[in-house]
Amino acid sequence: MIVYFLRHASAGEHLANPKKDEKRALDKEGIEQCGYVGRALSALNVQVDTIVSSPLKRCTQTGSLVGNELDYEGKLQIDNALRPGTGFADFRRLLEKYSRQEAIMVVGHNPNLSQFMGAVISDSGCESSLELKKGAVAKVEMRRTLGTLQWCITPKLIRALYDAAVESSRPKTSRK
């Protein structure tokens, strides 16, 4: 099974009131990040059977926007195992629930999403120092309970590659 770990895109500043923070939406930059990431994944021919999201608004928006770019036609699945503060045991149960899928995308928060990814790619199961930036996505190929990190891309990297490609495709002018 392939698991794509997608951290929610930019959603502005954390709100002190937990109930209000759960409803915090993506900001303009976050919506743009989703477009870049989704188009990059589409260009890489990424296909997912299921997108599973934390119930928090910024995650469901990220999952929906990236899913649209991937032409994902399924229903966004909501799972509390991706809610902030959940433990690795909850995440393991989520993986087991979708183990018959060829590829899934999980949309969540830091630090737990980074910790989950670190735990599945570490043969000792220890925490690693991987950090997913906002809007970043990583591809992990799972073999039973152990995963191998294939790649990780950030919106900033995608934007830089896009800008470089646009620049290199411009006609060159001579300086005579």
N, C-alpha and C. Protein backbone atom coordinates (compact mmCIF):
# COMPACT_ATOMS: atom_id res chain seq x y z
N MET A 1 0.85 -1.18 0.00
CA MET A 1 0.00 0.00 0.00
C MET A 1 0.90 1.24 0.00
N ILE A 2 0.44 2.26 -0.71
CA ILE A 2 1.13 3.54 -0.70
C ILE A 2 0.31 4.49 0.15
N VAL A 3 1.00 5.23 1.03
CA VAL A 3 0.34 6.22 1.86
C VAL A 3 0.97 7.58 1.53
N TYR A 4 0.12 8.51 1.13
CA TYR A 4 0.55 9.89 0.91
C TYR A 4 0.19 10.66 2.16
N PHE A 5 1.20 11.21 2.83
CA PHE A 5 1.00 12.03 4.03
C PHE A 5 0.94 13.48 3.58
N LEU A 6 -0.20 14.12 3.77
CA LEU A 6 -0.40 15.51 3.36
C LEU A 6 -0.73 16.35 4.58
N ARG A 7 0.15 17.30 4.89
CA ARG A 7 -0.14 18.22 5.99
C ARG A 7 -1.06 19.32 5.45
N HIS A 8 -2.01 19.73 6.26
CA HIS A 8 -2.92 20.79 5.82
C HIS A 8 -2.13 22.02 5.40
N ALA A 9 -2.68 22.77 4.46
CA ALA A 9 -2.03 23.97 3.95
C ALA A 9 -2.21 25.13 4.93
N SER A 10 -1.66 26.26 4.60
CA SER A 10 -1.67 27.43 5.46
C SER A 10 -3.09 27.87 5.83
N ALA A 11 -3.27 28.10 7.12
CA ALA A 11 -4.59 28.50 7.62
C ALA A 11 -4.48 29.66 8.60
N GLY A 12 -3.46 30.47 8.45
CA GLY A 12 -3.30 31.63 9.33
C GLY A 12 -2.85 31.24 10.72
N GLU A 13 -3.09 32.14 11.64
CA GLU A 13 -2.62 31.97 13.02
C GLU A 13 -3.54 31.07 13.84
N HIS A 14 -2.91 30.28 14.71
CA HIS A 14 -3.62 29.42 15.67
C HIS A 14 -4.54 30.29 16.53
N LEU A 15 -5.75 29.81 16.78
CA LEU A 15 -6.70 30.52 17.64
C LEU A 15 -6.70 29.91 19.03
N ALA A 16 -6.74 30.76 20.05
CA ALA A 16 -6.68 30.29 21.43
C ALA A 16 -7.89 29.43 21.81
N ASN A 17 -9.06 29.76 21.31
CA ASN A 17 -10.27 29.01 21.61
C ASN A 17 -10.27 27.73 20.76
N PRO A 18 -10.18 26.54 21.40
CA PRO A 18 -10.10 25.28 20.64
C PRO A 18 -11.27 25.05 19.69
N LYS A 19 -12.48 25.41 20.10
CA LYS A 19 -13.65 25.19 19.24
C LYS A 19 -13.58 26.07 17.99
N LYS A 20 -13.14 27.32 18.16
CA LYS A 20 -12.99 28.21 17.01
C LYS A 20 -11.82 27.77 16.14
N ASP A 21 -10.76 27.27 16.76
CA ASP A 21 -9.59 26.83 16.00
C ASP A 21 -9.92 25.64 15.11
N GLU A 22 -10.81 24.78 15.57
CA GLU A 22 -11.22 23.62 14.75
C GLU A 22 -11.90 24.06 13.46
N LYS A 23 -12.52 25.23 13.48
CA LYS A 23 -13.24 25.73 12.31
C LYS A 23 -12.40 26.69 11.47
N ARG A 24 -11.11 26.84 11.82
CA ARG A 24 -10.23 27.76 11.10
C ARG A 24 -10.03 27.26 9.67
N ALA A 25 -10.34 28.12 8.71
CA ALA A 25 -10.27 27.77 7.29
C ALA A 25 -8.90 28.09 6.71
N LEU A 26 -8.64 27.56 5.54
CA LEU A 26 -7.42 27.90 4.81
C LEU A 26 -7.45 29.38 4.46
N ASP A 27 -6.27 29.99 4.46
CA ASP A 27 -6.17 31.37 4.01
C ASP A 27 -5.84 31.38 2.51
N LYS A 28 -5.65 32.56 1.95
CA LYS A 28 -5.38 32.68 0.52
C LYS A 28 -4.14 31.88 0.12
N GLU A 29 -3.09 31.98 0.92
CA GLU A 29 -1.86 31.23 0.64
C GLU A 29 -2.11 29.72 0.67
N GLY A 30 -2.92 29.27 1.63
CA GLY A 30 -3.22 27.85 1.75
C GLY A 30 -3.97 27.31 0.54
N ILE A 31 -4.91 28.09 0.05
CA ILE A 31 -5.65 27.68 -1.15
C ILE A 31 -4.71 27.58 -2.34
N GLU A 32 -3.79 28.54 -2.45
CA GLU A 32 -2.79 28.52 -3.53
C GLU A 32 -1.87 27.30 -3.38
N GLN A 33 -1.45 27.00 -2.15
CA GLN A 33 -0.60 25.84 -1.90
C GLN A 33 -1.29 24.55 -2.36
N CYS A 34 -2.56 24.43 -2.07
CA CYS A 34 -3.31 23.23 -2.48
C CYS A 34 -3.31 23.08 -3.99
N GLY A 35 -3.45 24.19 -4.70
CA GLY A 35 -3.41 24.14 -6.17
C GLY A 35 -2.07 23.66 -6.68
N TYR A 36 -0.98 24.22 -6.15
CA TYR A 36 0.36 23.80 -6.57
C TYR A 36 0.60 22.32 -6.28
N VAL A 37 0.28 21.92 -5.06
CA VAL A 37 0.52 20.54 -4.66
C VAL A 37 -0.35 19.58 -5.48
N GLY A 38 -1.62 19.90 -5.63
CA GLY A 38 -2.52 19.04 -6.39
C GLY A 38 -2.09 18.89 -7.84
N ARG A 39 -1.71 20.00 -8.47
CA ARG A 39 -1.25 19.93 -9.87
C ARG A 39 0.05 19.16 -9.99
N ALA A 40 0.95 19.32 -9.02
CA ALA A 40 2.20 18.55 -9.05
C ALA A 40 1.92 17.06 -8.91
N LEU A 41 1.04 16.70 -8.00
CA LEU A 41 0.70 15.28 -7.82
C LEU A 41 0.04 14.73 -9.08
N SER A 42 -0.81 15.53 -9.70
CA SER A 42 -1.44 15.12 -10.94
C SER A 42 -0.39 14.89 -12.03
N ALA A 43 0.59 15.79 -12.11
CA ALA A 43 1.67 15.65 -13.10
C ALA A 43 2.50 14.39 -12.84
N LEU A 44 2.56 13.98 -11.57
CA LEU A 44 3.28 12.75 -11.21
C LEU A 44 2.39 11.51 -11.36
N ASN A 45 1.20 11.69 -11.90
CA ASN A 45 0.22 10.61 -12.10
C ASN A 45 -0.17 9.92 -10.80
N VAL A 46 -0.23 10.68 -9.72
CA VAL A 46 -0.67 10.13 -8.44
C VAL A 46 -2.16 9.85 -8.51
N GLN A 47 -2.53 8.65 -8.09
CA GLN A 47 -3.93 8.27 -7.99
C GLN A 47 -4.14 7.64 -6.63
N VAL A 48 -5.21 8.04 -5.97
CA VAL A 48 -5.50 7.48 -4.65
C VAL A 48 -6.90 6.86 -4.67
N ASP A 49 -7.02 5.79 -3.91
CA ASP A 49 -8.31 5.12 -3.77
C ASP A 49 -9.19 5.83 -2.75
N THR A 50 -8.55 6.40 -1.72
CA THR A 50 -9.27 7.04 -0.64
C THR A 50 -8.47 8.21 -0.09
N ILE A 51 -9.17 9.29 0.23
CA ILE A 51 -8.56 10.41 0.95
C ILE A 51 -9.22 10.45 2.32
N VAL A 52 -8.39 10.37 3.36
CA VAL A 52 -8.87 10.36 4.74
C VAL A 52 -8.34 11.62 5.42
N SER A 53 -9.23 12.36 6.05
CA SER A 53 -8.87 13.65 6.64
C SER A 53 -9.22 13.73 8.11
N SER A 54 -8.44 14.55 8.81
CA SER A 54 -8.83 14.99 10.14
C SER A 54 -10.16 15.73 9.99
N PRO A 55 -10.99 15.75 11.04
CA PRO A 55 -12.27 16.46 10.92
C PRO A 55 -12.14 17.99 10.94
N LEU A 56 -10.97 18.53 11.25
CA LEU A 56 -10.83 19.98 11.32
C LEU A 56 -10.91 20.60 9.93
N LYS A 57 -11.55 21.76 9.86
CA LYS A 57 -11.88 22.40 8.58
C LYS A 57 -10.68 22.58 7.67
N ARG A 58 -9.54 23.03 8.19
CA ARG A 58 -8.37 23.28 7.34
C ARG A 58 -7.88 22.00 6.66
N CYS A 59 -8.09 20.86 7.31
CA CYS A 59 -7.70 19.58 6.72
C CYS A 59 -8.71 19.13 5.67
N THR A 60 -9.99 19.25 5.99
CA THR A 60 -10.99 18.82 5.01
C THR A 60 -10.91 19.68 3.76
N GLN A 61 -10.64 20.98 3.93
CA GLN A 61 -10.47 21.85 2.75
C GLN A 61 -9.24 21.42 1.95
N THR A 62 -8.13 21.15 2.62
CA THR A 62 -6.91 20.73 1.92
C THR A 62 -7.17 19.44 1.16
N GLY A 63 -7.78 18.47 1.81
CA GLY A 63 -8.07 17.19 1.15
C GLY A 63 -8.98 17.36 -0.05
N SER A 64 -10.00 18.20 0.09
CA SER A 64 -10.93 18.42 -1.03
C SER A 64 -10.27 19.13 -2.20
N LEU A 65 -9.50 20.19 -1.91
CA LEU A 65 -8.87 20.95 -2.99
C LEU A 65 -7.81 20.12 -3.73
N VAL A 66 -6.98 19.40 -2.98
CA VAL A 66 -5.97 18.55 -3.62
C VAL A 66 -6.67 17.41 -4.36
N GLY A 67 -7.70 16.84 -3.75
CA GLY A 67 -8.46 15.79 -4.41
C GLY A 67 -9.06 16.24 -5.73
N ASN A 68 -9.58 17.47 -5.78
CA ASN A 68 -10.12 18.01 -7.03
C ASN A 68 -9.06 18.04 -8.12
N GLU A 69 -7.86 18.45 -7.78
CA GLU A 69 -6.77 18.51 -8.76
C GLU A 69 -6.38 17.11 -9.25
N LEU A 70 -6.61 16.10 -8.41
CA LEU A 70 -6.30 14.72 -8.77
C LEU A 70 -7.46 14.02 -9.48
N ASP A 71 -8.55 14.74 -9.69
CA ASP A 71 -9.78 14.15 -10.25
C ASP A 71 -10.29 13.01 -9.38
N TYR A 72 -10.10 13.14 -8.08
CA TYR A 72 -10.60 12.15 -7.12
C TYR A 72 -12.12 12.26 -7.06
N GLU A 73 -12.79 11.17 -7.31
CA GLU A 73 -14.25 11.18 -7.36
C GLU A 73 -14.91 10.59 -6.13
N GLY A 74 -14.11 10.04 -5.23
CA GLY A 74 -14.67 9.44 -4.02
C GLY A 74 -15.07 10.48 -3.00
N LYS A 75 -15.70 10.00 -1.94
CA LYS A 75 -16.11 10.87 -0.84
C LYS A 75 -14.94 11.02 0.12
N LEU A 76 -14.69 12.24 0.57
CA LEU A 76 -13.66 12.50 1.56
C LEU A 76 -14.05 11.79 2.86
N GLN A 77 -13.18 10.92 3.35
CA GLN A 77 -13.43 10.19 4.59
C GLN A 77 -12.88 11.00 5.77
N ILE A 78 -13.64 11.09 6.82
CA ILE A 78 -13.24 11.83 8.02
C ILE A 78 -12.92 10.81 9.10
N ASP A 79 -11.75 10.99 9.75
CA ASP A 79 -11.36 10.03 10.79
C ASP A 79 -10.69 10.77 11.95
N ASN A 80 -11.18 10.52 13.16
CA ASN A 80 -10.62 11.16 14.35
C ASN A 80 -9.19 10.73 14.64
N ALA A 81 -8.71 9.65 14.02
CA ALA A 81 -7.33 9.21 14.21
C ALA A 81 -6.34 10.25 13.69
N LEU A 82 -6.81 11.18 12.86
CA LEU A 82 -5.94 12.23 12.31
C LEU A 82 -6.13 13.57 13.02
N ARG A 83 -6.95 13.59 14.04
CA ARG A 83 -7.19 14.80 14.84
C ARG A 83 -5.91 15.14 15.62
N PRO A 84 -5.64 16.43 15.87
CA PRO A 84 -4.45 16.77 16.66
C PRO A 84 -4.45 16.06 18.01
N GLY A 85 -3.28 15.60 18.42
CA GLY A 85 -3.13 14.98 19.73
C GLY A 85 -3.43 13.50 19.79
N THR A 86 -3.81 12.88 18.67
CA THR A 86 -4.07 11.45 18.71
C THR A 86 -2.76 10.68 18.73
N GLY A 87 -2.84 9.43 19.12
CA GLY A 87 -1.65 8.60 19.25
C GLY A 87 -1.40 7.70 18.04
N PHE A 88 -0.24 7.11 18.03
CA PHE A 88 0.17 6.24 16.93
C PHE A 88 -0.71 4.99 16.83
N ALA A 89 -1.20 4.50 17.96
CA ALA A 89 -2.07 3.32 17.94
C ALA A 89 -3.34 3.61 17.13
N ASP A 90 -3.87 4.82 17.28
CA ASP A 90 -5.05 5.22 16.50
C ASP A 90 -4.71 5.24 15.00
N PHE A 91 -3.54 5.75 14.68
CA PHE A 91 -3.12 5.81 13.28
C PHE A 91 -2.93 4.41 12.71
N ARG A 92 -2.37 3.50 13.48
CA ARG A 92 -2.20 2.11 13.05
C ARG A 92 -3.55 1.48 12.71
N ARG A 93 -4.55 1.76 13.56
CA ARG A 93 -5.90 1.23 13.30
C ARG A 93 -6.46 1.81 12.00
N LEU A 94 -6.18 3.08 11.73
CA LEU A 94 -6.62 3.70 10.48
C LEU A 94 -5.97 2.99 9.29
N LEU A 95 -4.67 2.74 9.37
CA LEU A 95 -3.98 2.04 8.28
C LEU A 95 -4.56 0.64 8.08
N GLU A 96 -4.87 -0.04 9.16
CA GLU A 96 -5.46 -1.37 9.05
C GLU A 96 -6.83 -1.32 8.38
N LYS A 97 -7.60 -0.31 8.73
CA LYS A 97 -8.93 -0.13 8.16
C LYS A 97 -8.88 0.00 6.63
N TYR A 98 -7.84 0.65 6.12
CA TYR A 98 -7.72 0.89 4.68
C TYR A 98 -6.66 0.01 4.02
N SER A 99 -6.26 -1.06 4.69
CA SER A 99 -5.13 -1.89 4.21
C SER A 99 -5.40 -2.57 2.87
N ARG A 100 -6.63 -2.70 2.48
CA ARG A 100 -6.94 -3.33 1.18
C ARG A 100 -6.86 -2.35 0.02
N GLN A 101 -6.66 -1.09 0.33
CA GLN A 101 -6.54 -0.06 -0.71
C GLN A 101 -5.12 -0.08 -1.28
N GLU A 102 -5.00 0.26 -2.54
CA GLU A 102 -3.68 0.33 -3.16
C GLU A 102 -2.94 1.60 -2.74
N ALA A 103 -3.68 2.72 -2.67
CA ALA A 103 -3.08 4.00 -2.29
C ALA A 103 -4.10 4.85 -1.56
N ILE A 104 -3.67 5.42 -0.42
CA ILE A 104 -4.52 6.34 0.32
C ILE A 104 -3.75 7.62 0.59
N MET A 105 -4.49 8.68 0.82
CA MET A 105 -3.89 9.95 1.24
C MET A 105 -4.48 10.28 2.60
N VAL A 106 -3.60 10.60 3.56
CA VAL A 106 -4.05 11.01 4.87
C VAL A 106 -3.71 12.49 5.04
N VAL A 107 -4.69 13.26 5.49
CA VAL A 107 -4.53 14.71 5.63
C VAL A 107 -4.66 15.05 7.10
N GLY A 108 -3.59 15.63 7.66
CA GLY A 108 -3.60 15.90 9.08
C GLY A 108 -2.73 17.06 9.49
N HIS A 109 -2.29 17.01 10.74
CA HIS A 109 -1.64 18.12 11.43
C HIS A 109 -0.25 17.72 11.91
N ASN A 110 0.56 18.73 12.18
CA ASN A 110 1.80 18.51 12.91
C ASN A 110 1.53 18.80 14.38
N PRO A 111 2.20 18.15 15.30
CA PRO A 111 3.34 17.26 15.05
C PRO A 111 2.95 15.80 14.80
N ASN A 112 1.68 15.42 15.06
CA ASN A 112 1.38 13.99 15.01
C ASN A 112 1.54 13.37 13.63
N LEU A 113 1.20 14.07 12.54
CA LEU A 113 1.34 13.47 11.22
C LEU A 113 2.81 13.17 10.91
N SER A 114 3.70 14.11 11.26
CA SER A 114 5.13 13.88 11.06
C SER A 114 5.63 12.73 11.93
N GLN A 115 5.12 12.65 13.16
CA GLN A 115 5.51 11.56 14.05
C GLN A 115 5.03 10.21 13.52
N PHE A 116 3.80 10.17 13.01
CA PHE A 116 3.28 8.92 12.44
C PHE A 116 4.15 8.48 11.26
N MET A 117 4.48 9.43 10.39
CA MET A 117 5.30 9.09 9.23
C MET A 117 6.68 8.61 9.69
N GLY A 118 7.27 9.30 10.65
CA GLY A 118 8.57 8.90 11.17
C GLY A 118 8.54 7.51 11.76
N ALA A 119 7.47 7.19 12.47
CA ALA A 119 7.36 5.87 13.10
C ALA A 119 7.22 4.75 12.07
N VAL A 120 6.49 5.00 10.96
CA VAL A 120 6.31 3.92 9.98
C VAL A 120 7.54 3.73 9.09
N ILE A 121 8.41 4.73 8.99
CA ILE A 121 9.61 4.55 8.15
C ILE A 121 10.84 4.18 8.97
N SER A 122 10.69 4.13 10.28
CA SER A 122 11.81 3.76 11.15
C SER A 122 11.64 2.31 11.57
N ASP A 123 12.64 1.47 11.27
CA ASP A 123 12.50 0.06 11.62
C ASP A 123 12.48 -0.18 13.12
N SER A 124 12.95 0.79 13.89
CA SER A 124 12.90 0.65 15.34
C SER A 124 11.61 1.22 15.92
N GLY A 125 10.84 1.90 15.05
CA GLY A 125 9.57 2.47 15.50
C GLY A 125 9.74 3.73 16.33
N CYS A 126 10.97 4.27 16.36
CA CYS A 126 11.20 5.45 17.18
C CYS A 126 10.76 6.71 16.44
N GLU A 127 10.66 7.78 17.19
CA GLU A 127 10.33 9.05 16.57
C GLU A 127 11.50 9.52 15.73
N SER A 128 11.18 10.14 14.61
CA SER A 128 12.24 10.67 13.77
C SER A 128 12.13 12.17 13.73
N SER A 129 13.09 12.79 13.05
CA SER A 129 13.11 14.24 13.00
C SER A 129 12.48 14.79 11.73
N LEU A 130 11.66 13.99 11.06
CA LEU A 130 10.99 14.47 9.86
C LEU A 130 9.97 15.54 10.23
N GLU A 131 9.92 16.57 9.40
CA GLU A 131 8.92 17.61 9.63
C GLU A 131 8.24 17.93 8.32
N LEU A 132 6.93 17.84 8.31
CA LEU A 132 6.16 18.22 7.14
C LEU A 132 5.79 19.69 7.27
N LYS A 133 6.21 20.50 6.33
CA LYS A 133 5.82 21.91 6.30
C LYS A 133 4.36 21.98 5.88
N LYS A 134 3.72 23.12 6.10
CA LYS A 134 2.31 23.27 5.72
C LYS A 134 2.15 23.05 4.22
N GLY A 135 1.24 22.16 3.87
CA GLY A 135 0.98 21.85 2.47
C GLY A 135 1.91 20.82 1.86
N ALA A 136 2.88 20.33 2.62
CA ALA A 136 3.83 19.34 2.09
C ALA A 136 3.16 17.98 1.99
N VAL A 137 3.68 17.19 1.05
CA VAL A 137 3.16 15.84 0.86
C VAL A 137 4.34 14.88 0.72
N ALA A 138 4.22 13.72 1.34
CA ALA A 138 5.27 12.70 1.27
C ALA A 138 4.65 11.39 0.83
N LYS A 139 5.39 10.66 0.02
CA LYS A 139 4.95 9.34 -0.44
C LYS A 139 5.72 8.28 0.34
N VAL A 140 4.98 7.38 0.99
CA VAL A 140 5.57 6.29 1.75
C VAL A 140 5.00 4.99 1.22
N GLU A 141 5.89 4.09 0.82
CA GLU A 141 5.46 2.76 0.36
C GLU A 141 5.51 1.82 1.55
N MET A 142 4.35 1.26 1.89
CA MET A 142 4.24 0.39 3.05
C MET A 142 4.40 -1.08 2.67
N ARG A 143 5.16 -1.80 3.46
CA ARG A 143 5.30 -3.24 3.37
C ARG A 143 4.99 -3.76 4.77
N ARG A 144 3.81 -4.34 4.92
CA ARG A 144 3.32 -4.76 6.23
C ARG A 144 3.27 -3.56 7.18
N THR A 145 4.11 -3.56 8.22
CA THR A 145 4.07 -2.46 9.19
C THR A 145 5.20 -1.46 9.00
N LEU A 146 6.09 -1.69 8.04
CA LEU A 146 7.23 -0.80 7.84
C LEU A 146 7.11 -0.10 6.50
N GLY A 147 7.41 1.18 6.48
CA GLY A 147 7.32 1.95 5.25
C GLY A 147 8.66 2.47 4.79
N THR A 148 8.74 2.81 3.51
CA THR A 148 9.93 3.41 2.92
C THR A 148 9.53 4.75 2.33
N LEU A 149 10.21 5.80 2.77
CA LEU A 149 9.95 7.13 2.23
C LEU A 149 10.46 7.19 0.80
N GLN A 150 9.57 7.49 -0.15
CA GLN A 150 9.93 7.58 -1.56
C GLN A 150 10.32 9.01 -1.93
N TRP A 151 9.53 9.99 -1.47
CA TRP A 151 9.84 11.40 -1.70
C TRP A 151 8.98 12.27 -0.80
N CYS A 152 9.39 13.53 -0.71
CA CYS A 152 8.64 14.53 0.04
C CYS A 152 8.80 15.85 -0.70
N ILE A 153 7.68 16.53 -0.97
CA ILE A 153 7.75 17.81 -1.67
C ILE A 153 6.93 18.85 -0.90
N THR A 154 7.38 20.08 -1.01
CA THR A 154 6.70 21.18 -0.34
C THR A 154 6.14 22.14 -1.38
N PRO A 155 5.14 22.93 -1.03
CA PRO A 155 4.64 23.92 -1.97
C PRO A 155 5.73 24.89 -2.44
N LYS A 156 6.63 25.25 -1.54
CA LYS A 156 7.73 26.16 -1.90
C LYS A 156 8.62 25.56 -2.98
N LEU A 157 8.94 24.28 -2.85
CA LEU A 157 9.75 23.59 -3.85
C LEU A 157 9.01 23.51 -5.18
N ILE A 158 7.73 23.17 -5.13
CA ILE A 158 6.93 23.06 -6.36
C ILE A 158 6.88 24.41 -7.07
N ARG A 159 6.67 25.48 -6.31
CA ARG A 159 6.62 26.82 -6.89
C ARG A 159 7.94 27.17 -7.56
N ALA A 160 9.06 26.83 -6.90
CA ALA A 160 10.38 27.12 -7.46
C ALA A 160 10.60 26.35 -8.76
N LEU A 161 10.20 25.09 -8.79
CA LEU A 161 10.34 24.29 -10.01
C LEU A 161 9.46 24.85 -11.13
N TYR A 162 8.25 25.24 -10.78
CA TYR A 162 7.34 25.81 -11.76
C TYR A 162 7.93 27.11 -12.34
N ASP A 163 8.40 27.99 -11.45
CA ASP A 163 8.99 29.25 -11.91
C ASP A 163 10.20 29.02 -12.80
N ALA A 164 11.04 28.03 -12.43
CA ALA A 164 12.23 27.71 -13.24
C ALA A 164 11.82 27.17 -14.61
N ALA A 165 10.78 26.35 -14.64
CA ALA A 165 10.31 25.79 -15.92
C ALA A 165 9.75 26.89 -16.82
N VAL A 166 9.01 27.81 -16.23
CA VAL A 166 8.45 28.93 -17.00
C VAL A 166 9.58 29.79 -17.55
N GLU A 167 10.55 30.07 -16.70
CA GLU A 167 11.70 30.89 -17.12
C GLU A 167 12.48 30.23 -18.25
N SER A 168 12.72 28.92 -18.15
CA SER A 168 13.51 28.23 -19.18
C SER A 168 12.75 28.08 -20.49
N SER A 169 11.41 28.18 -20.44
CA SER A 169 10.64 28.04 -21.66
C SER A 169 10.45 29.36 -22.41
N ARG A 170 10.86 30.45 -21.79
CA ARG A 170 10.76 31.75 -22.45
C ARG A 170 11.79 31.83 -23.57
N PRO A 171 11.42 32.48 -24.68
CA PRO A 171 12.38 32.64 -25.77
C PRO A 171 13.59 33.44 -25.31
N LYS A 172 14.74 33.00 -25.72
CA LYS A 172 15.99 33.69 -25.37
C LYS A 172 16.17 34.86 -26.35
N THR A 173 16.57 35.99 -25.82
CA THR A 173 16.86 37.14 -26.68
C THR A 173 18.35 37.37 -26.71
N SER A 174 18.85 37.74 -27.85
CA SER A 174 20.29 37.98 -27.98
C SER A 174 20.59 39.40 -27.49
N ARG A 175 21.79 39.59 -27.04
CA ARG A 175 22.20 40.90 -26.52
C ARG A 175 23.20 41.55 -27.46
N LYS A 176 22.87 41.72 -28.70
CA LYS A 176 23.80 42.33 -29.67
C LYS A 176 23.63 43.78 -29.75
